Amino acid sequence: EVDGVKVLQLETAAGAAIRFFDHAIGINVPRSRFLPVKATSDLQLVQSDLYTLVDGFVTRNSARTDPSNPSIELGPEFKKVGSFLGRFKSIPSIVELDSLKVSGDVWFGSGIVLK
């Protein structure tokens, strides 16, 4: 149940589900072509200046010296995509960020650089 609305979510592996679709084919997409987004913290990474697309490939910003991604923890106010997007005038720069933990009724303006 989400916000009082009953929700039924079904998940399965693509390989198991593909047999239910006539004439379906699978395509192997290398990890260099996408970044997984399972939570809004992942969405923040993807929408930030940490990555860019170059000729269809996901490329890390060369200004980032740390090889790992910043640790980002967002509170429940950021859980739904609509709420997440509404709390940012623009996605902050996170190239120099090590970690971020946000909780409560927080809103971000434009031109923000997090370090």
PDB file of N, CA and C in Angstrom:
ATOM      1  N   GLU A   1       0.844  -1.176   0.000  1.00  0.00           N
ATOM      2  CA  GLU A   1       0.000   0.000   0.000  1.00  0.00           C
ATOM      3  C   GLU A   1       0.888   1.238   0.000  1.00  0.00           C
ATOM      4  N   VAL A   2       0.608   2.162  -0.910  1.00  0.00           N
ATOM      5  CA  VAL A   2       1.372   3.394  -1.028  1.00  0.00           C
ATOM      6  C   VAL A   2       0.410   4.562  -0.897  1.00  0.00           C
ATOM      7  N   ASP A   3       0.602   5.370   0.131  1.00  0.00           N
ATOM      8  CA  ASP A   3      -0.269   6.524   0.379  1.00  0.00           C
ATOM      9  C   ASP A   3      -1.745   6.150   0.355  1.00  0.00           C
ATOM     10  N   GLY A   4      -2.076   5.008   0.941  1.00  0.00           N
ATOM     11  CA  GLY A   4      -3.453   4.568   1.033  1.00  0.00           C
ATOM     12  C   GLY A   4      -4.002   3.897  -0.217  1.00  0.00           C
ATOM     13  N   VAL A   5      -3.201   3.793  -1.256  1.00  0.00           N
ATOM     14  CA  VAL A   5      -3.631   3.160  -2.505  1.00  0.00           C
ATOM     15  C   VAL A   5      -3.011   1.775  -2.585  1.00  0.00           C
ATOM     16  N   LYS A   6      -3.863   0.761  -2.807  1.00  0.00           N
ATOM     17  CA  LYS A   6      -3.347  -0.599  -2.925  1.00  0.00           C
ATOM     18  C   LYS A   6      -2.622  -0.753  -4.257  1.00  0.00           C
ATOM     19  N   VAL A   7      -1.416  -1.276  -4.188  1.00  0.00           N
ATOM     20  CA  VAL A   7      -0.572  -1.426  -5.370  1.00  0.00           C
ATOM     21  C   VAL A   7      -0.124  -2.872  -5.471  1.00  0.00           C
ATOM     22  N   LEU A   8      -0.173  -3.408  -6.674  1.00  0.00           N
ATOM     23  CA  LEU A   8       0.349  -4.741  -6.932  1.00  0.00           C
ATOM     24  C   LEU A   8       1.506  -4.582  -7.899  1.00  0.00           C
ATOM     25  N   GLN A   9       2.687  -4.956  -7.450  1.00  0.00           N
ATOM     26  CA  GLN A   9       3.873  -4.835  -8.294  1.00  0.00           C
ATOM     27  C   GLN A   9       4.386  -6.220  -8.618  1.00  0.00           C
ATOM     28  N   LEU A  10       4.542  -6.492  -9.900  1.00  0.00           N
ATOM     29  CA  LEU A  10       5.063  -7.773 -10.348  1.00  0.00           C
ATOM     30  C   LEU A  10       6.439  -7.556 -10.952  1.00  0.00           C
ATOM     31  N   GLU A  11       7.370  -8.376 -10.543  1.00  0.00           N
ATOM     32  CA  GLU A  11       8.711  -8.286 -11.105  1.00  0.00           C
ATOM     33  C   GLU A  11       9.156  -9.668 -11.530  1.00  0.00           C
ATOM     34  N   THR A  12       9.883  -9.718 -12.620  1.00  0.00           N
ATOM     35  CA  THR A  12      10.441 -10.980 -13.086  1.00  0.00           C
ATOM     36  C   THR A  12      11.667 -10.677 -13.928  1.00  0.00           C
ATOM     37  N   ALA A  13      12.472 -11.661 -14.126  1.00  0.00           N
ATOM     38  CA  ALA A  13      13.637 -11.498 -14.990  1.00  0.00           C
ATOM     39  C   ALA A  13      13.169 -11.369 -16.431  1.00  0.00           C
ATOM     40  N   ALA A  14      13.831 -10.530 -17.201  1.00  0.00           N
ATOM     41  CA  ALA A  14      13.443 -10.321 -18.598  1.00  0.00           C
ATOM     42  C   ALA A  14      13.479 -11.630 -19.376  1.00  0.00           C
ATOM     43  N   GLY A  15      14.458 -12.467 -19.099  1.00  0.00           N
ATOM     44  CA  GLY A  15      14.569 -13.749 -19.790  1.00  0.00           C
ATOM     45  C   GLY A  15      13.380 -14.651 -19.537  1.00  0.00           C
ATOM     46  N   ALA A  16      12.812 -14.581 -18.345  1.00  0.00           N
ATOM     47  CA  ALA A  16      11.649 -15.396 -18.011  1.00  0.00           C
ATOM     48  C   ALA A  16      10.370 -14.817 -18.616  1.00  0.00           C
ATOM     49  N   ALA A  17      10.294 -13.503 -18.731  1.00  0.00           N
ATOM     50  CA  ALA A  17       9.076 -12.853 -19.227  1.00  0.00           C
ATOM     51  C   ALA A  17       8.989 -12.834 -20.745  1.00  0.00           C
ATOM     52  N   ILE A  18      10.111 -12.869 -21.424  1.00  0.00           N
ATOM     53  CA  ILE A  18      10.124 -12.694 -22.879  1.00  0.00           C
ATOM     54  C   ILE A  18       9.342 -13.787 -23.608  1.00  0.00           C
ATOM     55  N   ARG A  19       9.224 -14.948 -23.004  1.00  0.00           N
ATOM     56  CA  ARG A  19       8.520 -16.052 -23.666  1.00  0.00           C
ATOM     57  C   ARG A  19       7.021 -15.789 -23.822  1.00  0.00           C
ATOM     58  N   PHE A  20       6.493 -14.809 -23.109  1.00  0.00           N
ATOM     59  CA  PHE A  20       5.072 -14.490 -23.192  1.00  0.00           C
ATOM     60  C   PHE A  20       4.743 -13.516 -24.331  1.00  0.00           C
ATOM     61  N   PHE A  21       5.748 -13.070 -25.059  1.00  0.00           N
ATOM     62  CA  PHE A  21       5.544 -12.121 -26.148  1.00  0.00           C
ATOM     63  C   PHE A  21       5.941 -12.766 -27.469  1.00  0.00           C
ATOM     64  N   ASP A  22       4.994 -12.806 -28.404  1.00  0.00           N
ATOM     65  CA  ASP A  22       5.267 -13.386 -29.721  1.00  0.00           C
ATOM     66  C   ASP A  22       6.331 -12.573 -30.457  1.00  0.00           C
ATOM     67  N   HIS A  23       7.231 -13.267 -31.121  1.00  0.00           N
ATOM     68  CA  HIS A  23       8.266 -12.661 -31.960  1.00  0.00           C
ATOM     69  C   HIS A  23       9.185 -11.708 -31.188  1.00  0.00           C
ATOM     70  N   ALA A  24       9.312 -11.920 -29.907  1.00  0.00           N
ATOM     71  CA  ALA A  24      10.185 -11.058 -29.093  1.00  0.00           C
ATOM     72  C   ALA A  24      11.643 -11.461 -29.270  1.00  0.00           C
ATOM     73  N   ILE A  25      12.504 -10.484 -29.187  1.00  0.00           N
ATOM     74  CA  ILE A  25      13.942 -10.752 -29.224  1.00  0.00           C
ATOM     75  C   ILE A  25      14.601 -10.002 -28.068  1.00  0.00           C
ATOM     76  N   GLY A  26      15.724 -10.490 -27.649  1.00  0.00           N
ATOM     77  CA  GLY A  26      16.483  -9.827 -26.593  1.00  0.00           C
ATOM     78  C   GLY A  26      17.688  -9.118 -27.186  1.00  0.00           C
ATOM     79  N   ILE A  27      18.051  -8.020 -26.575  1.00  0.00           N
ATOM     80  CA  ILE A  27      19.220  -7.259 -27.010  1.00  0.00           C
ATOM     81  C   ILE A  27      20.115  -7.071 -25.796  1.00  0.00           C
ATOM     82  N   ASN A  28      21.368  -7.422 -25.937  1.00  0.00           N
ATOM     83  CA  ASN A  28      22.328  -7.239 -24.859  1.00  0.00           C
ATOM     84  C   ASN A  28      22.895  -5.824 -24.954  1.00  0.00           C
ATOM     85  N   VAL A  29      22.595  -5.002 -23.955  1.00  0.00           N
ATOM     86  CA  VAL A  29      23.072  -3.621 -23.931  1.00  0.00           C
ATOM     87  C   VAL A  29      24.218  -3.538 -22.930  1.00  0.00           C
ATOM     88  N   PRO A  30      25.410  -3.163 -23.386  1.00  0.00           N
ATOM     89  CA  PRO A  30      26.545  -3.096 -22.460  1.00  0.00           C
ATOM     90  C   PRO A  30      26.359  -1.994 -21.418  1.00  0.00           C
ATOM     91  N   ARG A  31      26.920  -2.201 -20.258  1.00  0.00           N
ATOM     92  CA  ARG A  31      26.808  -1.264 -19.145  1.00  0.00           C
ATOM     93  C   ARG A  31      27.337   0.130 -19.518  1.00  0.00           C
ATOM     94  N   SER A  32      28.214   0.208 -20.476  1.00  0.00           N
ATOM     95  CA  SER A  32      28.753   1.503 -20.898  1.00  0.00           C
ATOM     96  C   SER A  32      27.708   2.370 -21.597  1.00  0.00           C
ATOM     97  N   ARG A  33      26.534   1.802 -21.894  1.00  0.00           N
ATOM     98  CA  ARG A  33      25.485   2.543 -22.593  1.00  0.00           C
ATOM     99  C   ARG A  33      24.379   3.044 -21.673  1.00  0.00           C
ATOM    100  N   PHE A  34      24.402   2.651 -20.394  1.00  0.00           N
ATOM    101  CA  PHE A  34      23.347   3.095 -19.484  1.00  0.00           C
ATOM    102  C   PHE A  34      23.825   3.037 -18.038  1.00  0.00           C
ATOM    103  N   LEU A  35      23.103   3.698 -17.179  1.00  0.00           N
ATOM    104  CA  LEU A  35      23.313   3.614 -15.736  1.00  0.00           C
ATOM    105  C   LEU A  35      22.000   3.165 -15.116  1.00  0.00           C
ATOM    106  N   PRO A  36      22.029   2.180 -14.231  1.00  0.00           N
ATOM    107  CA  PRO A  36      20.782   1.722 -13.618  1.00  0.00           C
ATOM    108  C   PRO A  36      20.211   2.780 -12.674  1.00  0.00           C
ATOM    109  N   VAL A  37      18.899   2.936 -12.703  1.00  0.00           N
ATOM    110  CA  VAL A  37      18.216   3.877 -11.814  1.00  0.00           C
ATOM    111  C   VAL A  37      17.118   3.114 -11.095  1.00  0.00           C
ATOM    112  N   LYS A  38      17.352   2.828  -9.821  1.00  0.00           N
ATOM    113  CA  LYS A  38      16.363   2.101  -9.024  1.00  0.00           C
ATOM    114  C   LYS A  38      15.763   2.969  -7.930  1.00  0.00           C
ATOM    115  N   ALA A  39      16.398   4.088  -7.644  1.00  0.00           N
ATOM    116  CA  ALA A  39      15.923   4.991  -6.597  1.00  0.00           C
ATOM    117  C   ALA A  39      16.215   6.424  -7.037  1.00  0.00           C
ATOM    118  N   THR A  40      15.591   7.385  -6.383  1.00  0.00           N
ATOM    119  CA  THR A  40      15.815   8.778  -6.760  1.00  0.00           C
ATOM    120  C   THR A  40      17.254   9.216  -6.486  1.00  0.00           C
ATOM    121  N   SER A  41      17.939   8.565  -5.570  1.00  0.00           N
ATOM    122  CA  SER A  41      19.357   8.892  -5.367  1.00  0.00           C
ATOM    123  C   SER A  41      20.164   8.520  -6.616  1.00  0.00           C
ATOM    124  N   ASP A  42      19.794   7.416  -7.272  1.00  0.00           N
ATOM    125  CA  ASP A  42      20.423   7.041  -8.545  1.00  0.00           C
ATOM    126  C   ASP A  42      20.065   8.055  -9.633  1.00  0.00           C
ATOM    127  N   LEU A  43      18.817   8.508  -9.611  1.00  0.00           N
ATOM    128  CA  LEU A  43      18.363   9.495 -10.590  1.00  0.00           C
ATOM    129  C   LEU A  43      19.160  10.789 -10.450  1.00  0.00           C
ATOM    130  N   GLN A  44      19.466  11.166  -9.211  1.00  0.00           N
ATOM    131  CA  GLN A  44      20.257  12.377  -8.999  1.00  0.00           C
ATOM    132  C   GLN A  44      21.647  12.229  -9.621  1.00  0.00           C
ATOM    133  N   LEU A  45      22.249  11.062  -9.475  1.00  0.00           N
ATOM    134  CA  LEU A  45      23.559  10.816 -10.093  1.00  0.00           C
ATOM    135  C   LEU A  45      23.479  10.956 -11.612  1.00  0.00           C
ATOM    136  N   VAL A  46      22.467  10.331 -12.203  1.00  0.00           N
ATOM    137  CA  VAL A  46      22.320  10.321 -13.659  1.00  0.00           C
ATOM    138  C   VAL A  46      22.028  11.715 -14.206  1.00  0.00           C
ATOM    139  N   GLN A  47      21.220  12.491 -13.499  1.00  0.00           N
ATOM    140  CA  GLN A  47      20.844  13.818 -13.986  1.00  0.00           C
ATOM    141  C   GLN A  47      21.900  14.881 -13.695  1.00  0.00           C
ATOM    142  N   SER A  48      22.860  14.553 -12.867  1.00  0.00           N
ATOM    143  CA  SER A  48      23.869  15.533 -12.463  1.00  0.00           C
ATOM    144  C   SER A  48      24.945  15.707 -13.527  1.00  0.00           C
ATOM    145  N   ASP A  49      25.933  16.522 -13.184  1.00  0.00           N
ATOM    146  CA  ASP A  49      27.078  16.743 -14.067  1.00  0.00           C
ATOM    147  C   ASP A  49      28.163  15.685 -13.876  1.00  0.00           C
ATOM    148  N   LEU A  50      27.875  14.653 -13.104  1.00  0.00           N
ATOM    149  CA  LEU A  50      28.846  13.583 -12.869  1.00  0.00           C
ATOM    150  C   LEU A  50      29.038  12.729 -14.122  1.00  0.00           C
ATOM    151  N   TYR A  51      27.978  12.601 -14.916  1.00  0.00           N
ATOM    152  CA  TYR A  51      28.025  11.804 -16.144  1.00  0.00           C
ATOM    153  C   TYR A  51      27.512  12.621 -17.321  1.00  0.00           C
ATOM    154  N   THR A  52      27.920  12.222 -18.501  1.00  0.00           N
ATOM    155  CA  THR A  52      27.417  12.816 -19.725  1.00  0.00           C
ATOM    156  C   THR A  52      27.371  11.728 -20.796  1.00  0.00           C
ATOM    157  N   LEU A  53      26.627  11.974 -21.840  1.00  0.00           N
ATOM    158  CA  LEU A  53      26.594  11.043 -22.972  1.00  0.00           C
ATOM    159  C   LEU A  53      27.524  11.558 -24.060  1.00  0.00           C
ATOM    160  N   VAL A  54      28.425  10.703 -24.504  1.00  0.00           N
ATOM    161  CA  VAL A  54      29.334  11.030 -25.603  1.00  0.00           C
ATOM    162  C   VAL A  54      29.194   9.926 -26.642  1.00  0.00           C
ATOM    163  N   ASP A  55      28.664  10.273 -27.796  1.00  0.00           N
ATOM    164  CA  ASP A  55      28.446   9.306 -28.873  1.00  0.00           C
ATOM    165  C   ASP A  55      27.640   8.097 -28.403  1.00  0.00           C
ATOM    166  N   GLY A  56      26.649   8.336 -27.544  1.00  0.00           N
ATOM    167  CA  GLY A  56      25.781   7.264 -27.070  1.00  0.00           C
ATOM    168  C   GLY A  56      26.333   6.458 -25.909  1.00  0.00           C
ATOM    169  N   PHE A  57      27.493   6.830 -25.407  1.00  0.00           N
ATOM    170  CA  PHE A  57      28.094   6.114 -24.281  1.00  0.00           C
ATOM    171  C   PHE A  57      28.091   6.993 -23.042  1.00  0.00           C
ATOM    172  N   VAL A  58      27.803   6.391 -21.893  1.00  0.00           N
ATOM    173  CA  VAL A  58      27.831   7.105 -20.620  1.00  0.00           C
ATOM    174  C   VAL A  58      29.292   7.325 -20.239  1.00  0.00           C
ATOM    175  N   THR A  59      29.655   8.576 -20.024  1.00  0.00           N
ATOM    176  CA  THR A  59      31.035   8.928 -19.710  1.00  0.00           C
ATOM    177  C   THR A  59      31.079   9.733 -18.420  1.00  0.00           C
ATOM    178  N   ARG A  60      32.016   9.377 -17.550  1.00  0.00           N
ATOM    179  CA  ARG A  60      32.166  10.109 -16.297  1.00  0.00           C
ATOM    180  C   ARG A  60      32.879  11.434 -16.568  1.00  0.00           C
ATOM    181  N   ASN A  61      32.451  12.453 -15.861  1.00  0.00           N
ATOM    182  CA  ASN A  61      33.069  13.767 -15.962  1.00  0.00           C
ATOM    183  C   ASN A  61      34.540  13.654 -15.564  1.00  0.00           C
ATOM    184  N   SER A  62      35.435  14.071 -16.433  1.00  0.00           N
ATOM    185  CA  SER A  62      36.873  13.940 -16.166  1.00  0.00           C
ATOM    186  C   SER A  62      37.335  14.818 -15.006  1.00  0.00           C
ATOM    187  N   ALA A  63      36.521  15.783 -14.598  1.00  0.00           N
ATOM    188  CA  ALA A  63      36.871  16.620 -13.448  1.00  0.00           C
ATOM    189  C   ALA A  63      36.731  15.863 -12.129  1.00  0.00           C
ATOM    190  N   ARG A  64      36.053  14.732 -12.142  1.00  0.00           N
ATOM    191  CA  ARG A  64      35.884  13.914 -10.927  1.00  0.00           C
ATOM    192  C   ARG A  64      37.142  13.084 -10.735  1.00  0.00           C
ATOM    193  N   THR A  65      37.860  13.317  -9.627  1.00  0.00           N
ATOM    194  CA  THR A  65      39.105  12.583  -9.376  1.00  0.00           C
ATOM    195  C   THR A  65      38.870  11.283  -8.628  1.00  0.00           C
ATOM    196  N   ASP A  66      37.817  11.208  -7.826  1.00  0.00           N
ATOM    197  CA  ASP A  66      37.484   9.990  -7.078  1.00  0.00           C
ATOM    198  C   ASP A  66      36.805   9.006  -8.036  1.00  0.00           C
ATOM    199  N   PRO A  67      37.314   7.769  -8.137  1.00  0.00           N
ATOM    200  CA  PRO A  67      36.714   6.810  -9.075  1.00  0.00           C
ATOM    201  C   PRO A  67      35.333   6.291  -8.654  1.00  0.00           C
ATOM    202  N   SER A  68      34.968   6.467  -7.387  1.00  0.00           N
ATOM    203  CA  SER A  68      33.660   5.979  -6.926  1.00  0.00           C
ATOM    204  C   SER A  68      32.619   7.093  -7.001  1.00  0.00           C
ATOM    205  N   ASN A  69      31.354   6.681  -7.032  1.00  0.00           N
ATOM    206  CA  ASN A  69      30.264   7.649  -7.008  1.00  0.00           C
ATOM    207  C   ASN A  69      30.103   8.220  -5.610  1.00  0.00           C
ATOM    208  N   PRO A  70      29.595   9.445  -5.507  1.00  0.00           N
ATOM    209  CA  PRO A  70      29.281   9.974  -4.184  1.00  0.00           C
ATOM    210  C   PRO A  70      28.181   9.133  -3.537  1.00  0.00           C
ATOM    211  N   SER A  71      28.218   9.034  -2.236  1.00  0.00           N
ATOM    212  CA  SER A  71      27.152   8.363  -1.492  1.00  0.00           C
ATOM    213  C   SER A  71      26.017   9.367  -1.304  1.00  0.00           C
ATOM    214  N   ILE A  72      24.826   9.024  -1.775  1.00  0.00           N
ATOM    215  CA  ILE A  72      23.682   9.928  -1.664  1.00  0.00           C
ATOM    216  C   ILE A  72      22.541   9.203  -0.973  1.00  0.00           C
ATOM    217  N   GLU A  73      22.088   9.768   0.140  1.00  0.00           N
ATOM    218  CA  GLU A  73      20.930   9.248   0.880  1.00  0.00           C
ATOM    219  C   GLU A  73      19.882  10.348   0.932  1.00  0.00           C
ATOM    220  N   LEU A  74      18.725  10.063   0.378  1.00  0.00           N
ATOM    221  CA  LEU A  74      17.635  11.032   0.367  1.00  0.00           C
ATOM    222  C   LEU A  74      16.495  10.532   1.237  1.00  0.00           C
ATOM    223  N   GLY A  75      15.916  11.431   2.016  1.00  0.00           N
ATOM    224  CA  GLY A  75      14.820  11.077   2.905  1.00  0.00           C
ATOM    225  C   GLY A  75      13.546  10.738   2.147  1.00  0.00           C
ATOM    226  N   PRO A  76      12.513  10.319   2.869  1.00  0.00           N
ATOM    227  CA  PRO A  76      11.256   9.890   2.244  1.00  0.00           C
ATOM    228  C   PRO A  76      10.563  10.990   1.438  1.00  0.00           C
ATOM    229  N   GLU A  77      10.874  12.241   1.720  1.00  0.00           N
ATOM    230  CA  GLU A  77      10.291  13.348   0.958  1.00  0.00           C
ATOM    231  C   GLU A  77      10.741  13.324  -0.504  1.00  0.00           C
ATOM    232  N   PHE A  78      11.819  12.613  -0.787  1.00  0.00           N
ATOM    233  CA  PHE A  78      12.390  12.540  -2.132  1.00  0.00           C
ATOM    234  C   PHE A  78      12.101  11.207  -2.818  1.00  0.00           C
ATOM    235  N   LYS A  79      11.334  10.333  -2.176  1.00  0.00           N
ATOM    236  CA  LYS A  79      11.168   8.965  -2.679  1.00  0.00           C
ATOM    237  C   LYS A  79      10.472   8.884  -4.038  1.00  0.00           C
ATOM    238  N   LYS A  80       9.387   9.606  -4.201  1.00  0.00           N
ATOM    239  CA  LYS A  80       8.652   9.577  -5.471  1.00  0.00           C
ATOM    240  C   LYS A  80       9.306  10.541  -6.457  1.00  0.00           C
ATOM    241  N   VAL A  81       9.349  10.149  -7.707  1.00  0.00           N
ATOM    242  CA  VAL A  81      10.031  10.945  -8.727  1.00  0.00           C
ATOM    243  C   VAL A  81       9.456  12.361  -8.811  1.00  0.00           C
ATOM    244  N   GLY A  82       8.141  12.488  -8.763  1.00  0.00           N
ATOM    245  CA  GLY A  82       7.520  13.812  -8.833  1.00  0.00           C
ATOM    246  C   GLY A  82       7.937  14.702  -7.678  1.00  0.00           C
ATOM    247  N   SER A  83       7.974  14.142  -6.476  1.00  0.00           N
ATOM    248  CA  SER A  83       8.413  14.897  -5.301  1.00  0.00           C
ATOM    249  C   SER A  83       9.883  15.257  -5.417  1.00  0.00           C
ATOM    250  N   PHE A  84      10.684  14.295  -5.870  1.00  0.00           N
ATOM    251  CA  PHE A  84      12.116  14.523  -6.063  1.00  0.00           C
ATOM    252  C   PHE A  84      12.337  15.691  -7.026  1.00  0.00           C
ATOM    253  N   LEU A  85      11.734  15.629  -8.200  1.00  0.00           N
ATOM    254  CA  LEU A  85      11.931  16.666  -9.212  1.00  0.00           C
ATOM    255  C   LEU A  85      11.438  18.027  -8.737  1.00  0.00           C
ATOM    256  N   GLY A  86      10.344  18.041  -7.985  1.00  0.00           N
ATOM    257  CA  GLY A  86       9.790  19.292  -7.495  1.00  0.00           C
ATOM    258  C   GLY A  86      10.651  19.992  -6.462  1.00  0.00           C
ATOM    259  N   ARG A  87      11.557  19.269  -5.844  1.00  0.00           N
ATOM    260  CA  ARG A  87      12.410  19.845  -4.801  1.00  0.00           C
ATOM    261  C   ARG A  87      13.709  20.432  -5.343  1.00  0.00           C
ATOM    262  N   PHE A  88      13.905  20.363  -6.649  1.00  0.00           N
ATOM    263  CA  PHE A  88      15.111  20.907  -7.280  1.00  0.00           C
ATOM    264  C   PHE A  88      14.735  21.916  -8.360  1.00  0.00           C
ATOM    265  N   LYS A  89      15.224  23.162  -8.236  1.00  0.00           N
ATOM    266  CA  LYS A  89      15.102  24.118  -9.352  1.00  0.00           C
ATOM    267  C   LYS A  89      15.978  23.620 -10.493  1.00  0.00           C
ATOM    268  N   SER A  90      17.156  23.116 -10.137  1.00  0.00           N
ATOM    269  CA  SER A  90      18.042  22.433 -11.078  1.00  0.00           C
ATOM    270  C   SER A  90      18.871  21.447 -10.259  1.00  0.00           C
ATOM    271  N   ILE A  91      19.347  20.400 -10.898  1.00  0.00           N
ATOM    272  CA  ILE A  91      20.128  19.387 -10.189  1.00  0.00           C
ATOM    273  C   ILE A  91      21.497  19.979  -9.847  1.00  0.00           C
ATOM    274  N   PRO A  92      21.906  19.902  -8.580  1.00  0.00           N
ATOM    275  CA  PRO A  92      23.189  20.485  -8.168  1.00  0.00           C
ATOM    276  C   PRO A  92      24.389  19.800  -8.821  1.00  0.00           C
ATOM    277  N   SER A  93      25.470  20.538  -8.915  1.00  0.00           N
ATOM    278  CA  SER A  93      26.738  19.965  -9.351  1.00  0.00           C
ATOM    279  C   SER A  93      27.254  19.073  -8.226  1.00  0.00           C
ATOM    280  N   ILE A  94      27.660  17.843  -8.562  1.00  0.00           N
ATOM    281  CA  ILE A  94      28.159  16.922  -7.531  1.00  0.00           C
ATOM    282  C   ILE A  94      29.518  16.327  -7.898  1.00  0.00           C
ATOM    283  N   VAL A  95      30.216  16.940  -8.842  1.00  0.00           N
ATOM    284  CA  VAL A  95      31.509  16.417  -9.286  1.00  0.00           C
ATOM    285  C   VAL A  95      32.489  16.294  -8.121  1.00  0.00           C
ATOM    286  N   GLU A  96      32.443  17.226  -7.177  1.00  0.00           N
ATOM    287  CA  GLU A  96      33.384  17.218  -6.054  1.00  0.00           C
ATOM    288  C   GLU A  96      32.770  16.672  -4.763  1.00  0.00           C
ATOM    289  N   LEU A  97      31.588  16.103  -4.841  1.00  0.00           N
ATOM    290  CA  LEU A  97      30.876  15.615  -3.658  1.00  0.00           C
ATOM    291  C   LEU A  97      31.377  14.245  -3.225  1.00  0.00           C
ATOM    292  N   ASP A  98      31.564  14.069  -1.900  1.00  0.00           N
ATOM    293  CA  ASP A  98      31.904  12.756  -1.347  1.00  0.00           C
ATOM    294  C   ASP A  98      30.651  12.036  -0.871  1.00  0.00           C
ATOM    295  N   SER A  99      29.829  12.734  -0.078  1.00  0.00           N
ATOM    296  CA  SER A  99      28.600  12.115   0.421  1.00  0.00           C
ATOM    297  C   SER A  99      27.568  13.190   0.724  1.00  0.00           C
ATOM    298  N   LEU A 100      26.311  12.770   0.666  1.00  0.00           N
ATOM    299  CA  LEU A 100      25.196  13.672   0.924  1.00  0.00           C
ATOM    300  C   LEU A 100      24.097  12.887   1.615  1.00  0.00           C
ATOM    301  N   LYS A 101      23.585  13.438   2.708  1.00  0.00           N
ATOM    302  CA  LYS A 101      22.430  12.851   3.391  1.00  0.00           C
ATOM    303  C   LYS A 101      21.433  13.980   3.617  1.00  0.00           C
ATOM    304  N   VAL A 102      20.247  13.816   3.048  1.00  0.00           N
ATOM    305  CA  VAL A 102      19.217  14.839   3.139  1.00  0.00           C
ATOM    306  C   VAL A 102      17.999  14.241   3.821  1.00  0.00           C
ATOM    307  N   SER A 103      17.511  14.923   4.849  1.00  0.00           N
ATOM    308  CA  SER A 103      16.276  14.479   5.504  1.00  0.00           C
ATOM    309  C   SER A 103      15.444  15.708   5.837  1.00  0.00           C
ATOM    310  N   GLY A 104      14.152  15.540   5.775  1.00  0.00           N
ATOM    311  CA  GLY A 104      13.253  16.632   6.093  1.00  0.00           C
ATOM    312  C   GLY A 104      12.781  17.384   4.860  1.00  0.00           C
ATOM    313  N   ASP A 105      12.143  18.515   5.108  1.00  0.00           N
ATOM    314  CA  ASP A 105      11.526  19.327   4.060  1.00  0.00           C
ATOM    315  C   ASP A 105      12.573  20.250   3.438  1.00  0.00           C
ATOM    316  N   VAL A 106      13.425  19.696   2.587  1.00  0.00           N
ATOM    317  CA  VAL A 106      14.548  20.430   1.989  1.00  0.00           C
ATOM    318  C   VAL A 106      14.262  20.687   0.512  1.00  0.00           C
ATOM    319  N   TRP A 107      14.576  21.897   0.071  1.00  0.00           N
ATOM    320  CA  TRP A 107      14.398  22.301  -1.324  1.00  0.00           C
ATOM    321  C   TRP A 107      15.722  22.875  -1.816  1.00  0.00           C
ATOM    322  N   PHE A 108      16.080  22.615  -3.068  1.00  0.00           N
ATOM    323  CA  PHE A 108      17.331  23.091  -3.644  1.00  0.00           C
ATOM    324  C   PHE A 108      17.043  24.147  -4.705  1.00  0.00           C
ATOM    325  N   GLY A 109      17.774  25.264  -4.641  1.00  0.00           N
ATOM    326  CA  GLY A 109      17.655  26.312  -5.643  1.00  0.00           C
ATOM    327  C   GLY A 109      18.470  25.971  -6.874  1.00  0.00           C
ATOM    328  N   SER A 110      18.661  26.943  -7.736  1.00  0.00           N
ATOM    329  CA  SER A 110      19.456  26.712  -8.946  1.00  0.00           C
ATOM    330  C   SER A 110      20.899  27.146  -8.714  1.00  0.00           C
ATOM    331  N   GLY A 111      21.805  26.582  -9.500  1.00  0.00           N
ATOM    332  CA  GLY A 111      23.211  26.955  -9.405  1.00  0.00           C
ATOM    333  C   GLY A 111      23.919  26.438  -8.166  1.00  0.00           C
ATOM    334  N   ILE A 112      23.419  25.369  -7.560  1.00  0.00           N
ATOM    335  CA  ILE A 112      24.000  24.818  -6.333  1.00  0.00           C
ATOM    336  C   ILE A 112      25.170  23.897  -6.684  1.00  0.00           C
ATOM    337  N   VAL A 113      26.272  24.029  -5.940  1.00  0.00           N
ATOM    338  CA  VAL A 113      27.429  23.144  -6.069  1.00  0.00           C
ATOM    339  C   VAL A 113      27.624  22.467  -4.722  1.00  0.00           C
ATOM    340  N   LEU A 114      27.553  21.138  -4.694  1.00  0.00           N
ATOM    341  CA  LEU A 114      27.738  20.380  -3.458  1.00  0.00           C
ATOM    342  C   LEU A 114      29.144  19.808  -3.437  1.00  0.00           C
ATOM    343  N   LYS A 115      29.844  20.012  -2.296  1.00  0.00           N
ATOM    344  CA  LYS A 115      31.224  19.515  -2.154  1.00  0.00           C
ATOM    345  C   LYS A 115      31.341  18.730  -0.867  1.00  0.00           C
TER     346      LYS A 115
END
